[in-house]
Protein backbone atom coordinates (compact mmCIF):
# COMPACT_ATOMS: atom_id res chain seq x y z
CA UNK A 1 0.00 0.00 0.00
CA UNK A 2 1.45 3.34 -0.96
CA UNK A 3 1.61 6.43 1.24
CA UNK A 4 -0.90 8.15 -1.01
CA UNK A 5 -3.43 5.30 -0.66
CA UNK A 6 -2.95 5.18 3.13
CA UNK A 7 -3.42 8.96 3.39
CA UNK A 8 -6.61 8.84 1.31
CA UNK A 9 -7.98 5.97 3.40
CA UNK A 10 -7.24 7.90 6.62
CA UNK A 11 -8.87 11.08 5.28
CA UNK A 12 -11.98 9.15 4.22
CA UNK A 13 -12.20 7.64 7.73
CA UNK A 14 -11.62 11.02 9.42
CA UNK A 15 -14.38 12.67 7.39
CA UNK A 16 -16.86 9.79 7.86
CA UNK A 17 -16.39 9.60 11.64
CA UNK A 18 -17.95 12.98 12.56
CA UNK A 19 -20.81 12.34 10.14
CA UNK A 20 -21.58 9.00 11.75
CA UNK A 21 -21.48 10.53 15.23
CA UNK A 22 -23.88 13.32 14.22
CA UNK A 23 -26.25 10.88 12.56
CA UNK A 24 -26.49 8.86 15.78
CA UNK A 25 -27.11 11.96 17.90
CA UNK A 26 -29.91 13.44 15.77
CA UNK A 27 -32.73 11.45 14.21
CA UNK A 28 -35.81 12.33 12.19
CA UNK A 29 -38.04 10.17 14.39
CA UNK A 30 -37.54 9.35 18.06
CA UNK A 31 -39.57 7.46 20.66
CA UNK A 32 -40.36 7.64 24.38
CA UNK A 33 -41.51 4.83 26.66
CA UNK A 34 -42.41 4.56 30.35
CA UNK A 35 -39.60 1.98 30.57
CA UNK A 36 -37.14 4.06 28.51
CA UNK A 37 -33.89 5.76 29.45
CA UNK A 38 -32.68 9.16 28.24
CA UNK A 39 -29.19 7.68 27.74
CA UNK A 40 -30.67 5.45 25.00
CA UNK A 41 -30.59 6.26 21.29
CA UNK A 42 -34.34 7.11 21.46
CA UNK A 43 -35.18 4.81 18.55
CA UNK A 44 -38.05 2.30 18.70
CA UNK A 45 -35.81 -0.48 20.09
CA UNK A 46 -34.14 1.76 22.70
CA UNK A 47 -36.58 4.60 23.56
CA UNK A 48 -35.99 7.59 25.82
CA UNK A 49 -37.85 8.14 29.09
CA UNK A 50 -38.72 11.85 28.69
CA UNK A 51 -39.73 14.26 25.95
CA UNK A 52 -36.70 16.40 26.85
CA UNK A 53 -34.38 13.43 26.30
CA UNK A 54 -35.99 12.59 22.95
CA UNK A 55 -36.08 16.26 21.84
CA UNK A 56 -32.31 16.51 22.32
CA UNK A 57 -31.90 13.64 19.85
CA UNK A 58 -34.49 14.75 17.28
CA UNK A 59 -33.64 16.75 14.16
CA UNK A 60 -35.36 20.07 13.55
CA UNK A 61 -38.62 19.21 11.82
CA UNK A 62 -38.56 15.67 13.26
CA UNK A 63 -41.18 13.74 15.22
CA UNK A 64 -41.36 12.25 18.71
CA UNK A 65 -43.80 9.35 19.28
CA UNK A 66 -44.97 7.59 22.44
CA UNK A 67 -44.79 3.80 22.57
CA UNK A 68 -47.01 3.37 25.63
CA UNK A 69 -48.88 5.09 28.44
CA UNK A 70 -46.56 7.16 30.58
CA UNK A 71 -45.63 10.46 32.16
CA UNK A 72 -42.97 12.04 29.97
CA UNK A 73 -42.13 15.29 31.76
CA UNK A 74 -42.16 18.93 30.71
CA UNK A 75 -40.30 20.39 27.76
CA UNK A 76 -38.92 23.59 26.30
CA UNK A 77 -39.28 23.55 22.50
CA UNK A 78 -36.75 25.67 20.60
CA UNK A 79 -37.16 24.39 17.01
CA UNK A 80 -39.69 22.73 14.69
CA UNK A 81 -40.93 19.38 16.03
CA UNK A 82 -44.05 17.23 16.13
CA UNK A 83 -44.93 15.34 19.31
CA UNK A 84 -47.57 12.79 18.31
CA UNK A 85 -48.97 10.36 20.90
CA UNK A 86 -52.52 9.87 19.63
CA UNK A 87 -52.85 6.16 20.39
CA UNK A 88 -51.67 6.26 24.01
CA UNK A 89 -52.13 8.55 27.00
CA UNK A 90 -49.01 10.70 27.26
CA UNK A 91 -49.22 12.63 30.51
CA UNK A 92 -47.22 15.73 31.30
CA UNK A 93 -47.39 16.90 34.90
CA UNK A 94 -46.48 20.38 36.10
CA UNK A 95 -45.81 21.48 39.64
CA UNK A 96 -46.13 25.24 39.59
CA UNK A 97 -44.10 25.75 36.39
CA UNK A 98 -45.21 25.87 32.76
CA UNK A 99 -45.34 22.32 31.40
CA UNK A 100 -44.49 23.05 27.74
CA UNK A 101 -42.70 26.24 26.79
CA UNK A 102 -42.40 27.11 23.10
CA UNK A 103 -39.67 29.59 22.22
CA UNK A 104 -38.83 28.52 18.69
CA UNK A 105 -37.93 30.46 15.56
CA UNK A 106 -40.36 32.74 13.76
CA UNK A 107 -40.63 30.22 10.89
CA UNK A 108 -40.74 27.05 13.02
CA UNK A 109 -43.75 24.72 13.10
CA UNK A 110 -44.68 22.81 16.24
CA UNK A 111 -47.36 20.11 16.52
CA UNK A 112 -48.63 18.71 19.82
CA UNK A 113 -51.09 15.84 19.52
CA UNK A 114 -52.40 13.20 21.91
CA UNK A 115 -51.17 14.78 25.15
CA UNK A 116 -52.75 15.02 28.61
CA UNK A 117 -51.26 18.09 30.28
CA UNK A 118 -51.97 18.61 33.99
CA UNK A 119 -50.42 21.64 35.60
CA UNK A 120 -50.61 23.39 38.93
CA UNK A 121 -51.42 26.84 40.20
CA UNK A 122 -49.43 29.80 38.85
CA UNK A 123 -48.53 27.94 35.68
CA UNK A 124 -49.65 27.30 32.11
CA UNK A 125 -50.02 24.02 30.32
CA UNK A 126 -48.51 25.49 27.14
CA UNK A 127 -46.76 28.88 27.11
CA UNK A 128 -45.73 30.28 23.71
CA UNK A 129 -43.39 33.24 23.32
CA UNK A 130 -42.35 32.63 19.71
CA UNK A 131 -43.22 30.19 16.92
CA UNK A 132 -44.34 30.31 13.30
CA UNK A 133 -47.25 27.86 13.64
CA UNK A 134 -48.44 25.87 16.65
CA UNK A 135 -50.96 23.07 16.09
CA UNK A 136 -52.61 21.49 19.14
CA UNK A 137 -54.93 18.55 18.50
CA UNK A 138 -56.42 15.65 20.42
CA UNK A 139 -54.95 17.18 23.58
CA UNK A 140 -56.25 17.83 27.07
CA UNK A 141 -54.93 20.80 29.10
CA UNK A 142 -56.26 21.21 32.63
CA UNK A 143 -55.82 22.34 36.22
CA UNK A 144 -53.55 25.33 35.55
CA UNK A 145 -53.88 29.06 35.97
CA UNK A 146 -53.90 29.22 32.16
CA UNK A 147 -54.38 26.33 29.77
CA UNK A 148 -52.55 27.92 26.84
CA UNK A 149 -50.83 31.31 26.77
CA UNK A 150 -50.24 32.34 23.17
CA UNK A 151 -48.09 35.48 23.38
CA UNK A 152 -45.84 35.42 20.32
CA UNK A 153 -43.49 38.28 19.56
CA UNK A 154 -43.97 37.72 15.82
CA UNK A 155 -46.97 37.20 13.53
CA UNK A 156 -47.68 33.58 14.51
CA UNK A 157 -50.60 31.19 14.10
CA UNK A 158 -52.30 28.88 16.60
CA UNK A 159 -54.61 26.06 15.50
CA UNK A 160 -56.54 24.09 18.16
CA UNK A 161 -58.74 21.14 17.21
CA UNK A 162 -60.39 18.20 18.96
CA UNK A 163 -58.98 19.29 22.32
CA UNK A 164 -60.31 19.82 25.85
CA UNK A 165 -58.91 22.89 27.60
CA UNK A 166 -60.80 23.05 30.88
CA UNK A 167 -60.60 23.60 34.64
CA UNK A 168 -57.99 26.33 34.23
CA UNK A 169 -57.98 29.63 36.12
CA UNK A 170 -60.47 30.75 38.71
CA UNK A 171 -63.10 33.45 39.08
CA UNK A 172 -60.64 36.36 39.34
CA UNK A 173 -57.89 35.39 36.89
CA UNK A 174 -56.65 32.78 34.45
CA UNK A 175 -58.13 31.42 31.24
CA UNK A 176 -58.44 28.42 28.99
CA UNK A 177 -56.67 30.10 26.06
CA UNK A 178 -55.07 33.52 26.52
CA UNK A 179 -54.08 35.26 23.28
CA UNK A 180 -51.75 38.14 24.02
CA UNK A 181 -49.22 38.84 21.24
CA UNK A 182 -46.46 41.15 22.39
CA UNK A 183 -44.99 42.09 19.02
CA UNK A 184 -46.24 44.14 16.10
CA UNK A 185 -47.07 41.03 14.04
CA UNK A 186 -50.17 39.97 15.97
CA UNK A 187 -51.54 36.45 16.19
CA UNK A 188 -53.86 34.33 14.08
CA UNK A 189 -55.90 31.91 16.17
CA UNK A 190 -58.21 29.18 14.88
CA UNK A 191 -60.14 27.09 17.42
C-alpha atoms as a PDB file:
ATOM      1  CA  UNK A   1       0.000   0.000   0.000  1.00  0.00           C
ATOM      2  CA  UNK A   2       1.448   3.345  -0.965  1.00  0.00           C
ATOM      3  CA  UNK A   3       1.608   6.427   1.243  1.00  0.00           C
ATOM      4  CA  UNK A   4      -0.902   8.151  -1.012  1.00  0.00           C
ATOM      5  CA  UNK A   5      -3.433   5.304  -0.662  1.00  0.00           C
ATOM      6  CA  UNK A   6      -2.953   5.180   3.128  1.00  0.00           C
ATOM      7  CA  UNK A   7      -3.423   8.958   3.388  1.00  0.00           C
ATOM      8  CA  UNK A   8      -6.613   8.840   1.308  1.00  0.00           C
ATOM      9  CA  UNK A   9      -7.983   5.970   3.401  1.00  0.00           C
ATOM     10  CA  UNK A  10      -7.241   7.900   6.618  1.00  0.00           C
ATOM     11  CA  UNK A  11      -8.873  11.079   5.282  1.00  0.00           C
ATOM     12  CA  UNK A  12     -11.985   9.147   4.217  1.00  0.00           C
ATOM     13  CA  UNK A  13     -12.205   7.637   7.729  1.00  0.00           C
ATOM     14  CA  UNK A  14     -11.616  11.017   9.418  1.00  0.00           C
ATOM     15  CA  UNK A  15     -14.384  12.668   7.388  1.00  0.00           C
ATOM     16  CA  UNK A  16     -16.856   9.789   7.858  1.00  0.00           C
ATOM     17  CA  UNK A  17     -16.385   9.596  11.641  1.00  0.00           C
ATOM     18  CA  UNK A  18     -17.953  12.977  12.561  1.00  0.00           C
ATOM     19  CA  UNK A  19     -20.813  12.342  10.136  1.00  0.00           C
ATOM     20  CA  UNK A  20     -21.580   9.003  11.751  1.00  0.00           C
ATOM     21  CA  UNK A  21     -21.477  10.528  15.235  1.00  0.00           C
ATOM     22  CA  UNK A  22     -23.879  13.322  14.222  1.00  0.00           C
ATOM     23  CA  UNK A  23     -26.247  10.879  12.561  1.00  0.00           C
ATOM     24  CA  UNK A  24     -26.493   8.860  15.781  1.00  0.00           C
ATOM     25  CA  UNK A  25     -27.106  11.963  17.898  1.00  0.00           C
ATOM     26  CA  UNK A  26     -29.909  13.438  15.769  1.00  0.00           C
ATOM     27  CA  UNK A  27     -32.729  11.451  14.209  1.00  0.00           C
ATOM     28  CA  UNK A  28     -35.806  12.326  12.195  1.00  0.00           C
ATOM     29  CA  UNK A  29     -38.042  10.174  14.390  1.00  0.00           C
ATOM     30  CA  UNK A  30     -37.544   9.347  18.060  1.00  0.00           C
ATOM     31  CA  UNK A  31     -39.573   7.460  20.657  1.00  0.00           C
ATOM     32  CA  UNK A  32     -40.359   7.638  24.382  1.00  0.00           C
ATOM     33  CA  UNK A  33     -41.514   4.831  26.660  1.00  0.00           C
ATOM     34  CA  UNK A  34     -42.406   4.563  30.351  1.00  0.00           C
ATOM     35  CA  UNK A  35     -39.597   1.982  30.573  1.00  0.00           C
ATOM     36  CA  UNK A  36     -37.138   4.059  28.505  1.00  0.00           C
ATOM     37  CA  UNK A  37     -33.889   5.757  29.449  1.00  0.00           C
ATOM     38  CA  UNK A  38     -32.678   9.158  28.241  1.00  0.00           C
ATOM     39  CA  UNK A  39     -29.193   7.681  27.738  1.00  0.00           C
ATOM     40  CA  UNK A  40     -30.672   5.448  25.003  1.00  0.00           C
ATOM     41  CA  UNK A  41     -30.592   6.261  21.287  1.00  0.00           C
ATOM     42  CA  UNK A  42     -34.340   7.111  21.456  1.00  0.00           C
ATOM     43  CA  UNK A  43     -35.179   4.808  18.546  1.00  0.00           C
ATOM     44  CA  UNK A  44     -38.046   2.297  18.704  1.00  0.00           C
ATOM     45  CA  UNK A  45     -35.807  -0.479  20.090  1.00  0.00           C
ATOM     46  CA  UNK A  46     -34.144   1.762  22.703  1.00  0.00           C
ATOM     47  CA  UNK A  47     -36.579   4.604  23.558  1.00  0.00           C
ATOM     48  CA  UNK A  48     -35.987   7.585  25.820  1.00  0.00           C
ATOM     49  CA  UNK A  49     -37.846   8.145  29.091  1.00  0.00           C
ATOM     50  CA  UNK A  50     -38.723  11.855  28.685  1.00  0.00           C
ATOM     51  CA  UNK A  51     -39.730  14.262  25.949  1.00  0.00           C
ATOM     52  CA  UNK A  52     -36.702  16.401  26.848  1.00  0.00           C
ATOM     53  CA  UNK A  53     -34.378  13.427  26.303  1.00  0.00           C
ATOM     54  CA  UNK A  54     -35.990  12.595  22.947  1.00  0.00           C
ATOM     55  CA  UNK A  55     -36.084  16.256  21.841  1.00  0.00           C
ATOM     56  CA  UNK A  56     -32.311  16.508  22.322  1.00  0.00           C
ATOM     57  CA  UNK A  57     -31.900  13.636  19.851  1.00  0.00           C
ATOM     58  CA  UNK A  58     -34.493  14.751  17.284  1.00  0.00           C
ATOM     59  CA  UNK A  59     -33.641  16.747  14.162  1.00  0.00           C
ATOM     60  CA  UNK A  60     -35.358  20.071  13.546  1.00  0.00           C
ATOM     61  CA  UNK A  61     -38.619  19.209  11.822  1.00  0.00           C
ATOM     62  CA  UNK A  62     -38.562  15.671  13.259  1.00  0.00           C
ATOM     63  CA  UNK A  63     -41.180  13.744  15.218  1.00  0.00           C
ATOM     64  CA  UNK A  64     -41.363  12.249  18.711  1.00  0.00           C
ATOM     65  CA  UNK A  65     -43.799   9.353  19.280  1.00  0.00           C
ATOM     66  CA  UNK A  66     -44.974   7.586  22.442  1.00  0.00           C
ATOM     67  CA  UNK A  67     -44.794   3.795  22.571  1.00  0.00           C
ATOM     68  CA  UNK A  68     -47.010   3.367  25.627  1.00  0.00           C
ATOM     69  CA  UNK A  69     -48.884   5.089  28.436  1.00  0.00           C
ATOM     70  CA  UNK A  70     -46.563   7.157  30.577  1.00  0.00           C
ATOM     71  CA  UNK A  71     -45.629  10.457  32.164  1.00  0.00           C
ATOM     72  CA  UNK A  72     -42.969  12.042  29.971  1.00  0.00           C
ATOM     73  CA  UNK A  73     -42.126  15.294  31.758  1.00  0.00           C
ATOM     74  CA  UNK A  74     -42.163  18.931  30.707  1.00  0.00           C
ATOM     75  CA  UNK A  75     -40.301  20.386  27.761  1.00  0.00           C
ATOM     76  CA  UNK A  76     -38.923  23.594  26.301  1.00  0.00           C
ATOM     77  CA  UNK A  77     -39.275  23.555  22.505  1.00  0.00           C
ATOM     78  CA  UNK A  78     -36.747  25.666  20.596  1.00  0.00           C
ATOM     79  CA  UNK A  79     -37.165  24.394  17.006  1.00  0.00           C
ATOM     80  CA  UNK A  80     -39.688  22.727  14.687  1.00  0.00           C
ATOM     81  CA  UNK A  81     -40.926  19.383  16.027  1.00  0.00           C
ATOM     82  CA  UNK A  82     -44.046  17.232  16.127  1.00  0.00           C
ATOM     83  CA  UNK A  83     -44.929  15.336  19.305  1.00  0.00           C
ATOM     84  CA  UNK A  84     -47.565  12.791  18.314  1.00  0.00           C
ATOM     85  CA  UNK A  85     -48.968  10.364  20.903  1.00  0.00           C
ATOM     86  CA  UNK A  86     -52.519   9.867  19.626  1.00  0.00           C
ATOM     87  CA  UNK A  87     -52.851   6.156  20.386  1.00  0.00           C
ATOM     88  CA  UNK A  88     -51.665   6.262  24.013  1.00  0.00           C
ATOM     89  CA  UNK A  89     -52.129   8.547  27.003  1.00  0.00           C
ATOM     90  CA  UNK A  90     -49.008  10.703  27.259  1.00  0.00           C
ATOM     91  CA  UNK A  91     -49.224  12.627  30.508  1.00  0.00           C
ATOM     92  CA  UNK A  92     -47.216  15.735  31.298  1.00  0.00           C
ATOM     93  CA  UNK A  93     -47.386  16.898  34.903  1.00  0.00           C
ATOM     94  CA  UNK A  94     -46.484  20.377  36.103  1.00  0.00           C
ATOM     95  CA  UNK A  95     -45.808  21.476  39.643  1.00  0.00           C
ATOM     96  CA  UNK A  96     -46.132  25.240  39.591  1.00  0.00           C
ATOM     97  CA  UNK A  97     -44.105  25.747  36.394  1.00  0.00           C
ATOM     98  CA  UNK A  98     -45.208  25.872  32.757  1.00  0.00           C
ATOM     99  CA  UNK A  99     -45.337  22.322  31.399  1.00  0.00           C
ATOM    100  CA  UNK A 100     -44.495  23.048  27.744  1.00  0.00           C
ATOM    101  CA  UNK A 101     -42.696  26.243  26.791  1.00  0.00           C
ATOM    102  CA  UNK A 102     -42.399  27.107  23.103  1.00  0.00           C
ATOM    103  CA  UNK A 103     -39.667  29.590  22.220  1.00  0.00           C
ATOM    104  CA  UNK A 104     -38.832  28.516  18.688  1.00  0.00           C
ATOM    105  CA  UNK A 105     -37.927  30.459  15.560  1.00  0.00           C
ATOM    106  CA  UNK A 106     -40.363  32.736  13.759  1.00  0.00           C
ATOM    107  CA  UNK A 107     -40.628  30.217  10.890  1.00  0.00           C
ATOM    108  CA  UNK A 108     -40.742  27.047  13.018  1.00  0.00           C
ATOM    109  CA  UNK A 109     -43.753  24.717  13.096  1.00  0.00           C
ATOM    110  CA  UNK A 110     -44.675  22.807  16.242  1.00  0.00           C
ATOM    111  CA  UNK A 111     -47.357  20.111  16.515  1.00  0.00           C
ATOM    112  CA  UNK A 112     -48.627  18.712  19.823  1.00  0.00           C
ATOM    113  CA  UNK A 113     -51.092  15.843  19.525  1.00  0.00           C
ATOM    114  CA  UNK A 114     -52.395  13.203  21.914  1.00  0.00           C
ATOM    115  CA  UNK A 115     -51.166  14.783  25.150  1.00  0.00           C
ATOM    116  CA  UNK A 116     -52.753  15.020  28.606  1.00  0.00           C
ATOM    117  CA  UNK A 117     -51.257  18.089  30.283  1.00  0.00           C
ATOM    118  CA  UNK A 118     -51.968  18.613  33.985  1.00  0.00           C
ATOM    119  CA  UNK A 119     -50.417  21.645  35.602  1.00  0.00           C
ATOM    120  CA  UNK A 120     -50.606  23.388  38.933  1.00  0.00           C
ATOM    121  CA  UNK A 121     -51.421  26.844  40.205  1.00  0.00           C
ATOM    122  CA  UNK A 122     -49.435  29.802  38.852  1.00  0.00           C
ATOM    123  CA  UNK A 123     -48.533  27.944  35.676  1.00  0.00           C
ATOM    124  CA  UNK A 124     -49.652  27.299  32.115  1.00  0.00           C
ATOM    125  CA  UNK A 125     -50.016  24.017  30.324  1.00  0.00           C
ATOM    126  CA  UNK A 126     -48.508  25.491  27.137  1.00  0.00           C
ATOM    127  CA  UNK A 127     -46.761  28.876  27.110  1.00  0.00           C
ATOM    128  CA  UNK A 128     -45.732  30.279  23.710  1.00  0.00           C
ATOM    129  CA  UNK A 129     -43.392  33.242  23.324  1.00  0.00           C
ATOM    130  CA  UNK A 130     -42.351  32.632  19.712  1.00  0.00           C
ATOM    131  CA  UNK A 131     -43.218  30.189  16.923  1.00  0.00           C
ATOM    132  CA  UNK A 132     -44.337  30.314  13.298  1.00  0.00           C
ATOM    133  CA  UNK A 133     -47.247  27.863  13.641  1.00  0.00           C
ATOM    134  CA  UNK A 134     -48.436  25.868  16.647  1.00  0.00           C
ATOM    135  CA  UNK A 135     -50.961  23.065  16.093  1.00  0.00           C
ATOM    136  CA  UNK A 136     -52.614  21.495  19.141  1.00  0.00           C
ATOM    137  CA  UNK A 137     -54.932  18.554  18.503  1.00  0.00           C
ATOM    138  CA  UNK A 138     -56.424  15.652  20.422  1.00  0.00           C
ATOM    139  CA  UNK A 139     -54.951  17.176  23.584  1.00  0.00           C
ATOM    140  CA  UNK A 140     -56.255  17.828  27.071  1.00  0.00           C
ATOM    141  CA  UNK A 141     -54.930  20.802  29.100  1.00  0.00           C
ATOM    142  CA  UNK A 142     -56.260  21.210  32.632  1.00  0.00           C
ATOM    143  CA  UNK A 143     -55.818  22.343  36.223  1.00  0.00           C
ATOM    144  CA  UNK A 144     -53.550  25.334  35.549  1.00  0.00           C
ATOM    145  CA  UNK A 145     -53.875  29.058  35.971  1.00  0.00           C
ATOM    146  CA  UNK A 146     -53.897  29.216  32.157  1.00  0.00           C
ATOM    147  CA  UNK A 147     -54.381  26.330  29.773  1.00  0.00           C
ATOM    148  CA  UNK A 148     -52.552  27.920  26.841  1.00  0.00           C
ATOM    149  CA  UNK A 149     -50.835  31.309  26.775  1.00  0.00           C
ATOM    150  CA  UNK A 150     -50.237  32.344  23.172  1.00  0.00           C
ATOM    151  CA  UNK A 151     -48.091  35.477  23.384  1.00  0.00           C
ATOM    152  CA  UNK A 152     -45.839  35.418  20.320  1.00  0.00           C
ATOM    153  CA  UNK A 153     -43.493  38.285  19.561  1.00  0.00           C
ATOM    154  CA  UNK A 154     -43.967  37.724  15.824  1.00  0.00           C
ATOM    155  CA  UNK A 155     -46.968  37.198  13.529  1.00  0.00           C
ATOM    156  CA  UNK A 156     -47.677  33.584  14.508  1.00  0.00           C
ATOM    157  CA  UNK A 157     -50.605  31.195  14.095  1.00  0.00           C
ATOM    158  CA  UNK A 158     -52.303  28.877  16.598  1.00  0.00           C
ATOM    159  CA  UNK A 159     -54.614  26.056  15.501  1.00  0.00           C
ATOM    160  CA  UNK A 160     -56.539  24.089  18.164  1.00  0.00           C
ATOM    161  CA  UNK A 161     -58.741  21.137  17.213  1.00  0.00           C
ATOM    162  CA  UNK A 162     -60.390  18.195  18.962  1.00  0.00           C
ATOM    163  CA  UNK A 163     -58.982  19.294  22.316  1.00  0.00           C
ATOM    164  CA  UNK A 164     -60.309  19.823  25.849  1.00  0.00           C
ATOM    165  CA  UNK A 165     -58.911  22.885  27.597  1.00  0.00           C
ATOM    166  CA  UNK A 166     -60.797  23.048  30.875  1.00  0.00           C
ATOM    167  CA  UNK A 167     -60.603  23.602  34.637  1.00  0.00           C
ATOM    168  CA  UNK A 168     -57.989  26.328  34.231  1.00  0.00           C
ATOM    169  CA  UNK A 169     -57.975  29.626  36.117  1.00  0.00           C
ATOM    170  CA  UNK A 170     -60.470  30.749  38.711  1.00  0.00           C
ATOM    171  CA  UNK A 171     -63.103  33.453  39.077  1.00  0.00           C
ATOM    172  CA  UNK A 172     -60.645  36.361  39.344  1.00  0.00           C
ATOM    173  CA  UNK A 173     -57.892  35.390  36.893  1.00  0.00           C
ATOM    174  CA  UNK A 174     -56.653  32.781  34.445  1.00  0.00           C
ATOM    175  CA  UNK A 175     -58.129  31.422  31.243  1.00  0.00           C
ATOM    176  CA  UNK A 176     -58.443  28.415  28.990  1.00  0.00           C
ATOM    177  CA  UNK A 177     -56.674  30.102  26.058  1.00  0.00           C
ATOM    178  CA  UNK A 178     -55.066  33.518  26.525  1.00  0.00           C
ATOM    179  CA  UNK A 179     -54.084  35.259  23.284  1.00  0.00           C
ATOM    180  CA  UNK A 180     -51.746  38.143  24.016  1.00  0.00           C
ATOM    181  CA  UNK A 181     -49.217  38.841  21.239  1.00  0.00           C
ATOM    182  CA  UNK A 182     -46.456  41.149  22.395  1.00  0.00           C
ATOM    183  CA  UNK A 183     -44.990  42.089  19.017  1.00  0.00           C
ATOM    184  CA  UNK A 184     -46.235  44.143  16.096  1.00  0.00           C
ATOM    185  CA  UNK A 185     -47.073  41.030  14.037  1.00  0.00           C
ATOM    186  CA  UNK A 186     -50.165  39.970  15.975  1.00  0.00           C
ATOM    187  CA  UNK A 187     -51.536  36.448  16.186  1.00  0.00           C
ATOM    188  CA  UNK A 188     -53.863  34.325  14.077  1.00  0.00           C
ATOM    189  CA  UNK A 189     -55.903  31.914  16.166  1.00  0.00           C
ATOM    190  CA  UNK A 190     -58.213  29.181  14.881  1.00  0.00           C
ATOM    191  CA  UNK A 191     -60.139  27.087  17.419  1.00  0.00           C
END
